[in-house]
Amino acid sequence: MRVAVVAPAGPFTREELERALEGAREKGLDPLLAPHVEAFRADRMAPSPWPYLFADDTRRREDFLWALEGDFPIIWCARGGYGSMRLLESLGEEPLARARNRILLGFSDITALLLAWDQRGGRAIHGPSFLDLSQEGDLRPLWAFLQPGNQATQGYRYAFPEGVTLVGGRAEGFIRGGNLSLLTALLGTPFFPHLEGAILLLEDVHEPLYRLDRMLTQLRLAKVLEGVAGILWGKTRLPGEEEGVEAIHRLLRDRLGDLGVPILAELPFSHEKPYRPLPFRWGSLDATQKELILS
């Protein structure tokens, strides 16, 4: 399976990249590195002007355009971190139109690109980053989602025995969302997703409780949650000094409970292992029975 590997966001080490390449080949993938990712691997690339970016905007944009212009059915983002939003203003509509029917895979900061991809008819999959292939863990559920077309996973059923039902009930809708910080940052931009009737995925990591509160409140004040059909909350860790998962559940009930929609929490669509892929497509949620079925 041929995949293009791009790095639109944060930095990483050569050792991490080599381990991921080895893991990808062991799993039968044929990864092709974007030009500047390959230059980095060969130690031929100048350092990034910003320590939190893999490279400057020009090089990251060139690599993403290389993947878009190439014959790659799958574009896999190396990791998250920060930087994807910076590419949105410079990519342009014509290149992004090439997203149609092609897969973009990543999560966290890659939420910004996934949402733009989804808006333009691409197959956006919120799932492991390419560098996650260097880690131990069962990524077999991912392979079905990387096959051409949606038929291979039509009727795919997720069961969440460890999920927590915060509000019971059923909902149907198009799955959209991702990292809460990125969603909040996209408010007021053309790249914020249409959430009317959607099943909204939310997750984050290492954010203090008050900041989660502030972001959820900002979404409420922007009136973008009023038409949501249901909510999926990915497992989210608080900084070590805070209460933990019970505090998050209280916050979710407080900030989202009055929407009157099903809310299922503690799901494996987040920074926490095990990672599970979640494509942005139509789904049926049963928060009471703790399951999600893709159409």
C-alpha atoms as a PDB file:
ATOM      1  CA  MET A   1       0.000   0.000   0.000  1.00  0.00           C
ATOM      2  CA  ARG A   2       1.587   3.244  -1.211  1.00  0.00           C
ATOM      3  CA  VAL A   3       1.478   6.226   1.175  1.00  0.00           C
ATOM      4  CA  ALA A   4       2.968   9.724   1.103  1.00  0.00           C
ATOM      5  CA  VAL A   5       4.457  10.874   4.411  1.00  0.00           C
ATOM      6  CA  VAL A   6       4.313  14.630   5.077  1.00  0.00           C
ATOM      7  CA  ALA A   7       5.182  16.758   8.110  1.00  0.00           C
ATOM      8  CA  PRO A   8       2.814  19.762   8.209  1.00  0.00           C
ATOM      9  CA  ALA A   9       3.151  20.391  11.936  1.00  0.00           C
ATOM     10  CA  GLY A  10       5.709  19.747  14.681  1.00  0.00           C
ATOM     11  CA  PRO A  11       9.296  18.427  14.705  1.00  0.00           C
ATOM     12  CA  PHE A  12      10.574  14.937  15.425  1.00  0.00           C
ATOM     13  CA  THR A  13      13.866  13.062  15.506  1.00  0.00           C
ATOM     14  CA  ARG A  14      15.527  11.003  12.794  1.00  0.00           C
ATOM     15  CA  GLU A  15      15.434   8.037  15.133  1.00  0.00           C
ATOM     16  CA  GLU A  16      11.644   8.325  15.472  1.00  0.00           C
ATOM     17  CA  LEU A  17      11.300   8.550  11.700  1.00  0.00           C
ATOM     18  CA  GLU A  18      13.503   5.494  11.075  1.00  0.00           C
ATOM     19  CA  ARG A  19      11.573   3.410  13.582  1.00  0.00           C
ATOM     20  CA  ALA A  20       8.283   4.437  11.966  1.00  0.00           C
ATOM     21  CA  LEU A  21       9.592   3.569   8.487  1.00  0.00           C
ATOM     22  CA  GLU A  22      10.684   0.170   9.739  1.00  0.00           C
ATOM     23  CA  GLY A  23       7.296  -0.377  11.363  1.00  0.00           C
ATOM     24  CA  ALA A  24       5.473   0.684   8.188  1.00  0.00           C
ATOM     25  CA  ARG A  25       7.424  -1.731   5.997  1.00  0.00           C
ATOM     26  CA  GLU A  26       6.897  -4.562   8.443  1.00  0.00           C
ATOM     27  CA  LYS A  27       3.168  -3.954   8.029  1.00  0.00           C
ATOM     28  CA  GLY A  28       3.369  -4.134   4.233  1.00  0.00           C
ATOM     29  CA  LEU A  29       3.198  -0.397   3.544  1.00  0.00           C
ATOM     30  CA  ASP A  30       5.252   1.403   0.913  1.00  0.00           C
ATOM     31  CA  PRO A  31       5.978   4.816   2.482  1.00  0.00           C
ATOM     32  CA  LEU A  32       7.397   7.591   0.302  1.00  0.00           C
ATOM     33  CA  LEU A  33       8.782  10.544   2.195  1.00  0.00           C
ATOM     34  CA  ALA A  34       8.004  14.070   1.047  1.00  0.00           C
ATOM     35  CA  PRO A  35      11.128  15.821  -0.336  1.00  0.00           C
ATOM     36  CA  HIS A  36      11.935  17.849   2.770  1.00  0.00           C
ATOM     37  CA  VAL A  37      11.162  14.934   5.079  1.00  0.00           C
ATOM     38  CA  GLU A  38      13.648  12.881   3.036  1.00  0.00           C
ATOM     39  CA  ALA A  39      16.173  15.734   3.205  1.00  0.00           C
ATOM     40  CA  PHE A  40      15.755  15.808   6.980  1.00  0.00           C
ATOM     41  CA  ARG A  41      16.282  12.051   7.131  1.00  0.00           C
ATOM     42  CA  ALA A  42      19.530  12.453   5.182  1.00  0.00           C
ATOM     43  CA  ASP A  43      20.613  15.386   7.370  1.00  0.00           C
ATOM     44  CA  ARG A  44      20.525  17.739   4.386  1.00  0.00           C
ATOM     45  CA  MET A  45      17.916  20.224   5.632  1.00  0.00           C
ATOM     46  CA  ALA A  46      18.515  23.540   7.354  1.00  0.00           C
ATOM     47  CA  PRO A  47      17.021  23.836  10.849  1.00  0.00           C
ATOM     48  CA  SER A  48      13.521  25.166  11.279  1.00  0.00           C
ATOM     49  CA  PRO A  49      13.328  28.880  12.149  1.00  0.00           C
ATOM     50  CA  TRP A  50      10.784  27.950  14.833  1.00  0.00           C
ATOM     51  CA  PRO A  51      11.539  25.125  17.280  1.00  0.00           C
ATOM     52  CA  TYR A  52       7.895  24.053  17.368  1.00  0.00           C
ATOM     53  CA  LEU A  53       7.656  23.551  13.570  1.00  0.00           C
ATOM     54  CA  PHE A  54       9.192  20.757  11.490  1.00  0.00           C
ATOM     55  CA  ALA A  55      10.294  23.354   8.920  1.00  0.00           C
ATOM     56  CA  ASP A  56       9.348  26.821   7.711  1.00  0.00           C
ATOM     57  CA  ASP A  57       5.962  27.335   6.064  1.00  0.00           C
ATOM     58  CA  THR A  58       7.386  27.258   2.534  1.00  0.00           C
ATOM     59  CA  ARG A  59       8.998  23.836   2.900  1.00  0.00           C
ATOM     60  CA  ARG A  60       6.016  22.333   4.721  1.00  0.00           C
ATOM     61  CA  ARG A  61       3.674  23.735   2.084  1.00  0.00           C
ATOM     62  CA  GLU A  62       5.852  22.415  -0.766  1.00  0.00           C
ATOM     63  CA  ASP A  63       5.785  18.936   0.742  1.00  0.00           C
ATOM     64  CA  PHE A  64       2.009  18.973   1.123  1.00  0.00           C
ATOM     65  CA  LEU A  65       1.602  20.163  -2.479  1.00  0.00           C
ATOM     66  CA  TRP A  66       3.993  17.400  -3.598  1.00  0.00           C
ATOM     67  CA  ALA A  67       1.709  14.842  -1.982  1.00  0.00           C
ATOM     68  CA  LEU A  68      -1.431  16.458  -3.437  1.00  0.00           C
ATOM     69  CA  GLU A  69       0.025  16.591  -6.938  1.00  0.00           C
ATOM     70  CA  GLY A  70       1.313  13.023  -6.781  1.00  0.00           C
ATOM     71  CA  ASP A  71      -0.631   9.842  -7.352  1.00  0.00           C
ATOM     72  CA  PHE A  72      -0.947   8.953  -3.680  1.00  0.00           C
ATOM     73  CA  PRO A  73      -4.223   7.453  -2.464  1.00  0.00           C
ATOM     74  CA  ILE A  74      -3.123   8.019   1.151  1.00  0.00           C
ATOM     75  CA  ILE A  75      -1.374  11.046   2.670  1.00  0.00           C
ATOM     76  CA  TRP A  76      -0.176  10.333   6.196  1.00  0.00           C
ATOM     77  CA  CYS A  77       0.902  13.125   8.529  1.00  0.00           C
ATOM     78  CA  ALA A  78       4.047  12.393  10.521  1.00  0.00           C
ATOM     79  CA  ARG A  79       2.779  13.881  13.790  1.00  0.00           C
ATOM     80  CA  GLY A  80       0.755  16.703  15.312  1.00  0.00           C
ATOM     81  CA  GLY A  81       2.087  19.388  17.626  1.00  0.00           C
ATOM     82  CA  TYR A  82       1.474  22.725  15.923  1.00  0.00           C
ATOM     83  CA  GLY A  83       1.632  24.193  12.425  1.00  0.00           C
ATOM     84  CA  SER A  84      -1.223  22.860  10.313  1.00  0.00           C
ATOM     85  CA  MET A  85      -3.292  26.040  10.650  1.00  0.00           C
ATOM     86  CA  ARG A  86      -0.427  28.053   9.185  1.00  0.00           C
ATOM     87  CA  LEU A  87      -0.709  26.048   5.961  1.00  0.00           C
ATOM     88  CA  LEU A  88      -4.428  26.642   5.485  1.00  0.00           C
ATOM     89  CA  GLU A  89      -4.033  30.280   4.441  1.00  0.00           C
ATOM     90  CA  SER A  90      -1.371  29.458   1.838  1.00  0.00           C
ATOM     91  CA  LEU A  91      -2.507  26.178   0.257  1.00  0.00           C
ATOM     92  CA  GLY A  92      -5.321  27.659  -1.824  1.00  0.00           C
ATOM     93  CA  GLU A  93      -8.526  26.140  -3.138  1.00  0.00           C
ATOM     94  CA  GLU A  94      -7.167  24.567  -6.327  1.00  0.00           C
ATOM     95  CA  PRO A  95      -4.656  22.249  -4.598  1.00  0.00           C
ATOM     96  CA  LEU A  96      -7.167  21.269  -1.905  1.00  0.00           C
ATOM     97  CA  ALA A  97      -9.660  20.316  -4.620  1.00  0.00           C
ATOM     98  CA  ARG A  98      -7.385  17.340  -5.273  1.00  0.00           C
ATOM     99  CA  ALA A  99      -8.421  15.947  -1.898  1.00  0.00           C
ATOM    100  CA  ARG A 100     -11.555  14.322  -3.346  1.00  0.00           C
ATOM    101  CA  ASN A 101     -11.761  10.576  -2.657  1.00  0.00           C
ATOM    102  CA  ARG A 102      -8.239  10.467  -1.210  1.00  0.00           C
ATOM    103  CA  ILE A 103      -7.318   9.683   2.388  1.00  0.00           C
ATOM    104  CA  LEU A 104      -5.688  12.104   4.807  1.00  0.00           C
ATOM    105  CA  LEU A 105      -4.673  10.515   8.089  1.00  0.00           C
ATOM    106  CA  GLY A 106      -3.605  12.102  11.379  1.00  0.00           C
ATOM    107  CA  PHE A 107      -5.000  13.695  14.537  1.00  0.00           C
ATOM    108  CA  SER A 108      -4.351  16.366  17.176  1.00  0.00           C
ATOM    109  CA  ASP A 109      -3.032  19.481  15.373  1.00  0.00           C
ATOM    110  CA  ILE A 110      -3.822  17.755  12.056  1.00  0.00           C
ATOM    111  CA  THR A 111      -7.494  18.422  12.896  1.00  0.00           C
ATOM    112  CA  ALA A 112      -7.161  21.703  10.962  1.00  0.00           C
ATOM    113  CA  LEU A 113      -6.196  19.885   7.761  1.00  0.00           C
ATOM    114  CA  LEU A 114      -8.663  17.033   8.303  1.00  0.00           C
ATOM    115  CA  LEU A 115     -11.571  19.473   8.475  1.00  0.00           C
ATOM    116  CA  ALA A 116     -10.439  21.313   5.320  1.00  0.00           C
ATOM    117  CA  TRP A 117      -9.977  17.935   3.611  1.00  0.00           C
ATOM    118  CA  ASP A 118     -13.447  16.803   4.612  1.00  0.00           C
ATOM    119  CA  GLN A 119     -15.016  20.031   3.325  1.00  0.00           C
ATOM    120  CA  ARG A 120     -13.564  19.336  -0.110  1.00  0.00           C
ATOM    121  CA  GLY A 121     -14.726  15.752  -0.520  1.00  0.00           C
ATOM    122  CA  GLY A 122     -11.645  13.997   0.785  1.00  0.00           C
ATOM    123  CA  ARG A 123     -11.693  10.983   3.079  1.00  0.00           C
ATOM    124  CA  ALA A 124     -10.507  12.404   6.390  1.00  0.00           C
ATOM    125  CA  ILE A 125      -9.527   9.830   9.023  1.00  0.00           C
ATOM    126  CA  HIS A 126      -8.875  10.935  12.591  1.00  0.00           C
ATOM    127  CA  GLY A 127      -6.317   8.338  13.573  1.00  0.00           C
ATOM    128  CA  PRO A 128      -2.725   7.499  14.453  1.00  0.00           C
ATOM    129  CA  SER A 129       0.106   9.636  13.145  1.00  0.00           C
ATOM    130  CA  PHE A 130       2.751   8.002  10.969  1.00  0.00           C
ATOM    131  CA  LEU A 131       5.288   8.147  13.800  1.00  0.00           C
ATOM    132  CA  ASP A 132       2.921   6.056  15.910  1.00  0.00           C
ATOM    133  CA  LEU A 133       3.989   3.110  13.754  1.00  0.00           C
ATOM    134  CA  SER A 134       7.230   3.150  15.732  1.00  0.00           C
ATOM    135  CA  GLN A 135       5.353   2.251  18.915  1.00  0.00           C
ATOM    136  CA  GLU A 136       3.969  -1.011  20.143  1.00  0.00           C
ATOM    137  CA  GLY A 137       0.259  -1.501  19.793  1.00  0.00           C
ATOM    138  CA  ASP A 138      -2.358  -3.156  17.646  1.00  0.00           C
ATOM    139  CA  LEU A 139      -3.008  -0.967  14.623  1.00  0.00           C
ATOM    140  CA  ARG A 140      -4.818  -3.692  12.680  1.00  0.00           C
ATOM    141  CA  PRO A 141      -8.200  -1.914  12.909  1.00  0.00           C
ATOM    142  CA  LEU A 142      -6.645   0.875  10.846  1.00  0.00           C
ATOM    143  CA  TRP A 143      -5.889  -1.201   7.749  1.00  0.00           C
ATOM    144  CA  ALA A 144      -9.529  -1.708   6.798  1.00  0.00           C
ATOM    145  CA  PHE A 145     -10.000   2.066   6.666  1.00  0.00           C
ATOM    146  CA  LEU A 146      -7.060   2.496   4.295  1.00  0.00           C
ATOM    147  CA  GLN A 147      -8.635   0.423   1.522  1.00  0.00           C
ATOM    148  CA  PRO A 148     -10.040   2.190  -1.571  1.00  0.00           C
ATOM    149  CA  GLY A 149     -13.613   3.397  -1.172  1.00  0.00           C
ATOM    150  CA  ASN A 150     -15.885   3.285   1.865  1.00  0.00           C
ATOM    151  CA  GLN A 151     -17.492  -0.093   1.143  1.00  0.00           C
ATOM    152  CA  ALA A 152     -14.826  -2.037   3.060  1.00  0.00           C
ATOM    153  CA  THR A 153     -15.956  -0.495   6.345  1.00  0.00           C
ATOM    154  CA  GLN A 154     -19.659   0.034   5.662  1.00  0.00           C
ATOM    155  CA  GLY A 155     -21.485  -1.269   8.720  1.00  0.00           C
ATOM    156  CA  TYR A 156     -18.288  -1.234  10.776  1.00  0.00           C
ATOM    157  CA  ARG A 157     -19.248  -1.442  14.455  1.00  0.00           C
ATOM    158  CA  TYR A 158     -17.312   0.062  17.327  1.00  0.00           C
ATOM    159  CA  ALA A 159     -18.112  -1.359  20.754  1.00  0.00           C
ATOM    160  CA  PHE A 160     -16.924   0.643  23.764  1.00  0.00           C
ATOM    161  CA  PRO A 161     -17.250  -1.508  26.903  1.00  0.00           C
ATOM    162  CA  GLU A 162     -15.058   0.971  28.795  1.00  0.00           C
ATOM    163  CA  GLY A 163     -16.984   3.984  27.530  1.00  0.00           C
ATOM    164  CA  VAL A 164     -18.932   6.162  29.952  1.00  0.00           C
ATOM    165  CA  THR A 165     -22.478   7.194  29.079  1.00  0.00           C
ATOM    166  CA  LEU A 166     -22.944  10.766  30.263  1.00  0.00           C
ATOM    167  CA  VAL A 167     -26.243  11.223  28.451  1.00  0.00           C
ATOM    168  CA  GLY A 168     -28.028   8.202  26.986  1.00  0.00           C
ATOM    169  CA  GLY A 169     -29.885   7.930  23.727  1.00  0.00           C
ATOM    170  CA  ARG A 170     -29.346   7.495  20.008  1.00  0.00           C
ATOM    171  CA  ALA A 171     -28.247   9.835  17.245  1.00  0.00           C
ATOM    172  CA  GLU A 172     -27.350   9.723  13.570  1.00  0.00           C
ATOM    173  CA  GLY A 173     -25.216  12.184  11.700  1.00  0.00           C
ATOM    174  CA  PHE A 174     -22.010  12.920   9.895  1.00  0.00           C
ATOM    175  CA  ILE A 175     -19.016  12.520  12.218  1.00  0.00           C
ATOM    176  CA  ARG A 176     -16.854  15.641  12.427  1.00  0.00           C
ATOM    177  CA  GLY A 177     -14.536  17.306  14.904  1.00  0.00           C
ATOM    178  CA  GLY A 178     -11.222  16.426  16.466  1.00  0.00           C
ATOM    179  CA  ASN A 179      -8.971  18.284  18.843  1.00  0.00           C
ATOM    180  CA  LEU A 180     -10.891  20.761  21.004  1.00  0.00           C
ATOM    181  CA  SER A 181      -8.112  23.373  21.002  1.00  0.00           C
ATOM    182  CA  LEU A 182      -7.954  23.347  17.202  1.00  0.00           C
ATOM    183  CA  LEU A 183     -11.709  23.479  16.793  1.00  0.00           C
ATOM    184  CA  THR A 184     -11.892  26.490  19.071  1.00  0.00           C
ATOM    185  CA  ALA A 185      -9.027  28.163  17.221  1.00  0.00           C
ATOM    186  CA  LEU A 186     -10.867  27.709  13.898  1.00  0.00           C
ATOM    187  CA  LEU A 187     -13.979  29.559  15.081  1.00  0.00           C
ATOM    188  CA  GLY A 188     -14.669  32.508  12.803  1.00  0.00           C
ATOM    189  CA  THR A 189     -12.608  31.079   9.927  1.00  0.00           C
ATOM    190  CA  PRO A 190     -13.851  29.462   6.686  1.00  0.00           C
ATOM    191  CA  PHE A 191     -12.416  26.163   7.925  1.00  0.00           C
ATOM    192  CA  PHE A 192     -14.696  25.695  10.920  1.00  0.00           C
ATOM    193  CA  PRO A 193     -16.890  22.651  10.176  1.00  0.00           C
ATOM    194  CA  HIS A 194     -20.623  22.646   9.646  1.00  0.00           C
ATOM    195  CA  LEU A 195     -21.959  20.987  12.810  1.00  0.00           C
ATOM    196  CA  GLU A 196     -25.709  21.136  12.229  1.00  0.00           C
ATOM    197  CA  GLY A 197     -26.883  17.529  12.662  1.00  0.00           C
ATOM    198  CA  ALA A 198     -23.347  16.236  13.184  1.00  0.00           C
ATOM    199  CA  ILE A 199     -21.978  13.754  15.682  1.00  0.00           C
ATOM    200  CA  LEU A 200     -19.185  15.831  17.182  1.00  0.00           C
ATOM    201  CA  LEU A 201     -15.871  14.269  18.180  1.00  0.00           C
ATOM    202  CA  LEU A 202     -13.883  16.146  20.834  1.00  0.00           C
ATOM    203  CA  GLU A 203     -10.560  15.302  22.480  1.00  0.00           C
ATOM    204  CA  ASP A 204      -7.531  17.056  23.930  1.00  0.00           C
ATOM    205  CA  VAL A 205      -4.487  16.381  26.099  1.00  0.00           C
ATOM    206  CA  HIS A 206      -2.787  18.002  29.112  1.00  0.00           C
ATOM    207  CA  GLU A 207      -5.187  20.947  29.184  1.00  0.00           C
ATOM    208  CA  PRO A 208      -6.137  22.162  32.699  1.00  0.00           C
ATOM    209  CA  LEU A 209      -9.785  21.804  33.579  1.00  0.00           C
ATOM    210  CA  TYR A 210     -10.443  25.553  33.441  1.00  0.00           C
ATOM    211  CA  ARG A 211      -9.097  25.717  29.888  1.00  0.00           C
ATOM    212  CA  LEU A 212     -11.347  22.858  28.782  1.00  0.00           C
ATOM    213  CA  ASP A 213     -14.185  24.784  30.444  1.00  0.00           C
ATOM    214  CA  ARG A 214     -13.219  27.974  28.612  1.00  0.00           C
ATOM    215  CA  MET A 215     -13.072  26.282  25.210  1.00  0.00           C
ATOM    216  CA  LEU A 216     -16.400  24.512  25.648  1.00  0.00           C
ATOM    217  CA  THR A 217     -17.928  27.780  26.837  1.00  0.00           C
ATOM    218  CA  GLN A 218     -16.539  29.583  23.799  1.00  0.00           C
ATOM    219  CA  LEU A 219     -18.208  27.031  21.514  1.00  0.00           C
ATOM    220  CA  ARG A 220     -21.463  27.584  23.409  1.00  0.00           C
ATOM    221  CA  LEU A 221     -21.232  31.351  23.088  1.00  0.00           C
ATOM    222  CA  ALA A 222     -20.561  30.995  19.367  1.00  0.00           C
ATOM    223  CA  LYS A 223     -23.844  29.031  19.094  1.00  0.00           C
ATOM    224  CA  VAL A 224     -22.176  26.266  17.066  1.00  0.00           C
ATOM    225  CA  LEU A 225     -23.269  23.430  19.360  1.00  0.00           C
ATOM    226  CA  GLU A 226     -27.005  24.046  19.251  1.00  0.00           C
ATOM    227  CA  GLY A 227     -27.687  21.773  16.280  1.00  0.00           C
ATOM    228  CA  VAL A 228     -25.279  18.968  17.174  1.00  0.00           C
ATOM    229  CA  ALA A 229     -26.872  15.484  17.103  1.00  0.00           C
ATOM    230  CA  GLY A 230     -24.496  13.736  19.512  1.00  0.00           C
ATOM    231  CA  ILE A 231     -21.078  14.004  21.129  1.00  0.00           C
ATOM    232  CA  LEU A 232     -18.119  11.616  21.312  1.00  0.00           C
ATOM    233  CA  TRP A 233     -15.496  12.494  23.911  1.00  0.00           C
ATOM    234  CA  GLY A 234     -12.051  10.959  23.492  1.00  0.00           C
ATOM    235  CA  LYS A 235     -10.032   9.973  26.561  1.00  0.00           C
ATOM    236  CA  THR A 236      -8.411  13.141  27.849  1.00  0.00           C
ATOM    237  CA  ARG A 237      -5.745  13.504  30.507  1.00  0.00           C
ATOM    238  CA  LEU A 238      -5.525  16.485  32.810  1.00  0.00           C
ATOM    239  CA  PRO A 239      -2.187  17.745  34.158  1.00  0.00           C
ATOM    240  CA  GLY A 240      -1.032  15.648  37.116  1.00  0.00           C
ATOM    241  CA  GLU A 241      -2.141  18.041  39.832  1.00  0.00           C
ATOM    242  CA  GLU A 242      -5.794  17.977  38.841  1.00  0.00           C
ATOM    243  CA  GLU A 243      -8.624  15.680  39.892  1.00  0.00           C
ATOM    244  CA  GLY A 244      -8.877  13.441  36.868  1.00  0.00           C
ATOM    245  CA  VAL A 245     -11.547  11.886  34.727  1.00  0.00           C
ATOM    246  CA  GLU A 246     -14.437  12.436  37.153  1.00  0.00           C
ATOM    247  CA  ALA A 247     -13.833  16.180  37.015  1.00  0.00           C
ATOM    248  CA  ILE A 248     -13.940  16.087  33.223  1.00  0.00           C
ATOM    249  CA  HIS A 249     -17.237  14.212  33.296  1.00  0.00           C
ATOM    250  CA  ARG A 250     -18.738  16.797  35.646  1.00  0.00           C
ATOM    251  CA  LEU A 251     -17.569  19.530  33.315  1.00  0.00           C
ATOM    252  CA  LEU A 252     -19.047  17.827  30.249  1.00  0.00           C
ATOM    253  CA  ARG A 253     -22.405  17.419  31.951  1.00  0.00           C
ATOM    254  CA  ASP A 254     -22.304  21.055  33.035  1.00  0.00           C
ATOM    255  CA  ARG A 255     -21.284  22.528  29.673  1.00  0.00           C
ATOM    256  CA  LEU A 256     -22.930  20.070  27.262  1.00  0.00           C
ATOM    257  CA  GLY A 257     -25.653  18.239  29.185  1.00  0.00           C
ATOM    258  CA  ASP A 258     -28.358  20.805  28.434  1.00  0.00           C
ATOM    259  CA  LEU A 259     -27.981  20.241  24.689  1.00  0.00           C
ATOM    260  CA  GLY A 260     -30.229  17.217  25.135  1.00  0.00           C
ATOM    261  CA  VAL A 261     -28.135  14.956  22.886  1.00  0.00           C
ATOM    262  CA  PRO A 262     -26.395  11.630  23.574  1.00  0.00           C
ATOM    263  CA  ILE A 263     -22.892  11.987  25.027  1.00  0.00           C
ATOM    264  CA  LEU A 264     -20.487   9.045  25.205  1.00  0.00           C
ATOM    265  CA  ALA A 265     -17.112   9.607  26.875  1.00  0.00           C
ATOM    266  CA  GLU A 266     -13.784   7.828  27.463  1.00  0.00           C
ATOM    267  CA  LEU A 267     -13.425   6.735  23.845  1.00  0.00           C
ATOM    268  CA  PRO A 268     -10.186   5.599  22.122  1.00  0.00           C
ATOM    269  CA  PHE A 269     -10.157   8.501  19.641  1.00  0.00           C
ATOM    270  CA  SER A 270      -7.547  10.624  21.370  1.00  0.00           C
ATOM    271  CA  HIS A 271      -3.939  10.934  22.479  1.00  0.00           C
ATOM    272  CA  GLU A 272      -4.379   7.893  24.719  1.00  0.00           C
ATOM    273  CA  LYS A 273      -3.546   4.337  23.665  1.00  0.00           C
ATOM    274  CA  PRO A 274      -5.017   2.301  22.143  1.00  0.00           C
ATOM    275  CA  TYR A 275      -5.543   4.557  19.148  1.00  0.00           C
ATOM    276  CA  ARG A 276      -8.592   3.788  17.010  1.00  0.00           C
ATOM    277  CA  PRO A 277      -9.246   5.296  13.590  1.00  0.00           C
ATOM    278  CA  LEU A 278     -12.428   7.289  13.094  1.00  0.00           C
ATOM    279  CA  PRO A 279     -13.344   8.421   9.577  1.00  0.00           C
ATOM    280  CA  PHE A 280     -15.395  11.545   9.085  1.00  0.00           C
ATOM    281  CA  ARG A 281     -18.512   9.935   7.585  1.00  0.00           C
ATOM    282  CA  TRP A 282     -22.080   9.068   8.499  1.00  0.00           C
ATOM    283  CA  GLY A 283     -22.524   7.159  11.726  1.00  0.00           C
ATOM    284  CA  SER A 284     -25.180   5.907  14.139  1.00  0.00           C
ATOM    285  CA  LEU A 285     -24.442   6.424  17.833  1.00  0.00           C
ATOM    286  CA  ASP A 286     -26.107   4.521  20.662  1.00  0.00           C
ATOM    287  CA  ALA A 287     -24.708   6.123  23.805  1.00  0.00           C
ATOM    288  CA  THR A 288     -26.773   3.850  26.048  1.00  0.00           C
ATOM    289  CA  GLN A 289     -25.444   0.655  24.488  1.00  0.00           C
ATOM    290  CA  LYS A 290     -22.008   2.254  24.019  1.00  0.00           C
ATOM    291  CA  GLU A 291     -21.622   1.599  20.320  1.00  0.00           C
ATOM    292  CA  LEU A 292     -21.102   3.448  17.048  1.00  0.00           C
ATOM    293  CA  ILE A 293     -21.884   2.019  13.619  1.00  0.00           C
ATOM    294  CA  LEU A 294     -20.583   3.512  10.365  1.00  0.00           C
ATOM    295  CA  SER A 295     -22.794   3.712   7.278  1.00  0.00           C
END
